[in-house]
Amino acid sequence: MKKNNKGFTLAELLIVVAIIAVLTAVAIPIFATQLEKSKEETDIANLRAAKAAAVAAILDETFPDGTVYFDATKGILTTSKPTAYGKGTASDGKCEAFDMGNSTQYTKDPVAKDKVIQVTNSDGTPVMSWVN
C-alpha cells in the first residue's frame, strides 16, 4: 500500500508561524515611527503653506491687522478659527513657532496635535505659532 505524503507537517507549520511572528514584531515599531514622522512633516508643510499665504497677503497689501488663522483645508488666511488640524506629538521635529525671516528655525519639543496655526502681525512682520 502507498502512503499519502501530501501536505505539511506540524513542525513546518510552526516554523512558518514563528517566522511571521518575528517579522511582525520587527515591522510594527518601524511602522509607528514612520507614521509619526509623516504627521510631523505634515505639520511642517502646513507651516510653510501658512508662510506662503502670509507672504502673498503682504505683497498684495491685504494682510489684516491683528491675529488671523491659517485654514489648511482651503489654504487661506481667515479671521475665524478653523477646526484643529495639527497631527504631530511631542517628539523630535515638531514646530511651535516659525520665524518669517528664517525658514529653518523651528522649535523641537512642542506638541502641534489638535492645534491650528495663528498668524499675528506684529510691527509689520507676521509671526506664526501653533495655538489651541
Protein backbone atom coordinates (compact mmCIF):
# COMPACT_ATOMS: atom_id res chain seq x y z
CA MET A 1 0.00 0.00 0.00
CA LYS A 2 1.20 3.52 -0.84
CA LYS A 3 1.41 6.14 1.86
CA ASN A 4 -0.18 9.54 1.13
CA ASN A 5 2.55 12.15 1.90
CA LYS A 6 0.70 15.26 0.79
CA GLY A 7 0.59 18.42 2.97
CA PHE A 8 2.82 20.00 5.59
CA THR A 9 3.95 18.59 8.88
CA LEU A 10 3.16 20.28 12.17
CA ALA A 11 6.80 21.27 12.63
CA GLU A 12 6.88 23.02 9.24
CA LEU A 13 3.72 24.96 10.04
CA LEU A 14 5.08 26.04 13.45
CA ILE A 15 8.28 27.31 11.83
CA VAL A 16 6.27 29.40 9.34
CA VAL A 17 4.15 30.86 12.15
CA ALA A 18 7.29 31.70 14.17
CA ILE A 19 8.88 33.47 11.18
CA ILE A 20 5.72 35.53 10.60
CA ALA A 21 5.62 36.48 14.30
CA VAL A 22 9.24 37.68 14.24
CA LEU A 23 8.68 39.74 11.07
CA THR A 24 5.57 41.33 12.60
CA ALA A 25 7.38 42.15 15.84
CA VAL A 26 10.10 43.94 13.86
CA ALA A 27 7.74 45.77 11.46
CA ILE A 28 5.27 47.31 13.94
CA PRO A 29 7.74 49.69 15.70
CA ILE A 30 9.18 50.76 12.35
CA PHE A 31 5.68 51.48 11.04
CA ALA A 32 4.77 53.50 14.14
CA THR A 33 7.93 55.60 13.82
CA GLN A 34 7.30 56.31 10.15
CA LEU A 35 3.69 57.24 10.87
CA GLU A 36 4.78 59.81 13.48
CA LYS A 37 7.40 61.25 11.11
CA SER A 38 4.76 61.69 8.40
CA LYS A 39 2.48 63.54 10.86
CA GLU A 40 5.34 65.86 11.81
CA GLU A 41 6.18 66.52 8.17
CA THR A 42 2.52 67.35 7.51
CA ASP A 43 2.68 69.96 10.28
CA ILE A 44 5.85 71.46 8.80
CA ALA A 45 4.24 71.54 5.33
CA ASN A 46 1.23 73.36 6.82
CA LEU A 47 3.57 75.95 8.38
CA ARG A 48 5.24 76.50 5.03
CA ALA A 49 1.85 76.88 3.33
CA ALA A 50 0.83 79.39 6.02
CA LYS A 51 4.03 81.31 5.38
CA ALA A 52 3.28 81.39 1.64
CA ALA A 53 -0.26 82.64 2.30
CA ALA A 54 1.04 85.34 4.66
CA VAL A 55 3.69 86.49 2.20
CA ALA A 56 1.11 86.61 -0.59
CA ALA A 57 -1.20 88.71 1.59
CA ILE A 58 1.67 91.07 2.48
CA LEU A 59 2.63 91.51 -1.17
CA ASP A 60 -0.99 92.10 -2.15
CA GLU A 61 -1.24 94.54 0.77
CA THR A 62 -4.29 92.64 2.03
CA PHE A 63 -2.78 91.27 5.24
CA PRO A 64 -5.16 92.21 8.05
CA ASP A 65 -4.04 93.88 11.25
CA GLY A 66 -4.16 91.71 14.34
CA THR A 67 -4.46 87.95 14.52
CA VAL A 68 -5.57 85.64 11.73
CA TYR A 69 -5.56 81.86 11.36
CA PHE A 70 -4.40 79.63 8.54
CA ASP A 71 -7.14 77.36 7.19
CA ALA A 72 -5.21 74.32 5.97
CA THR A 73 -8.15 72.81 4.07
CA LYS A 74 -8.64 75.96 1.95
CA GLY A 75 -5.05 77.23 2.05
CA ILE A 76 -6.05 80.76 3.06
CA LEU A 77 -5.73 83.15 6.00
CA THR A 78 -9.01 83.74 7.80
CA THR A 79 -10.19 85.69 10.84
CA SER A 80 -12.38 82.82 12.06
CA LYS A 81 -10.64 79.95 13.80
CA PRO A 82 -10.77 76.73 11.71
CA THR A 83 -11.09 73.24 13.15
CA ALA A 84 -7.86 71.84 14.56
CA TYR A 85 -5.63 70.13 12.00
CA GLY A 86 -2.28 69.67 13.78
CA LYS A 87 -1.25 66.00 13.77
CA GLY A 88 2.13 65.61 15.44
CA THR A 89 3.00 64.79 19.02
CA ALA A 90 5.91 65.86 21.20
CA SER A 91 8.81 64.15 19.53
CA ASP A 92 11.77 65.39 17.51
CA GLY A 93 10.84 67.55 14.54
CA LYS A 94 7.89 69.50 15.98
CA CYS A 95 7.28 73.12 15.19
CA GLU A 96 5.82 75.61 17.63
CA ALA A 97 6.98 78.89 16.12
CA PHE A 98 8.07 79.83 12.64
CA ASP A 99 10.13 82.96 12.04
CA MET A 100 9.25 84.63 8.72
CA GLY A 101 12.83 85.77 8.27
CA ASN A 102 14.41 82.38 8.84
CA SER A 103 12.60 79.46 7.21
CA THR A 104 14.69 76.85 9.02
CA GLN A 105 14.03 77.99 12.58
CA TYR A 106 11.81 75.50 14.36
CA THR A 107 11.26 74.68 17.99
CA LYS A 108 11.78 70.97 18.54
CA ASP A 109 9.66 69.95 21.53
CA PRO A 110 6.10 71.38 21.45
CA VAL A 111 3.01 69.45 20.50
CA ALA A 112 1.02 70.51 17.42
CA LYS A 113 -1.67 67.87 17.85
CA ASP A 114 -5.19 69.34 17.67
CA LYS A 115 -3.90 72.90 17.20
CA VAL A 116 -4.14 75.48 14.41
CA ILE A 117 -1.63 77.95 13.01
CA GLN A 118 -2.11 81.50 14.22
CA VAL A 119 -0.51 84.36 12.29
CA THR A 120 -0.04 87.59 14.22
CA ASN A 121 1.04 90.80 12.52
CA SER A 122 3.45 92.50 14.89
CA ASP A 123 5.39 95.52 13.65
CA GLY A 124 4.75 94.54 10.02
CA THR A 125 6.32 91.10 10.46
CA PRO A 126 3.96 88.11 10.68
CA VAL A 127 4.75 85.62 13.43
CA MET A 128 3.29 82.11 13.19
CA SER A 129 2.68 79.70 16.03
CA TRP A 130 0.55 76.67 16.90
CA VAL A 131 -2.34 77.54 19.23
CA ASN A 132 -5.30 75.68 20.72
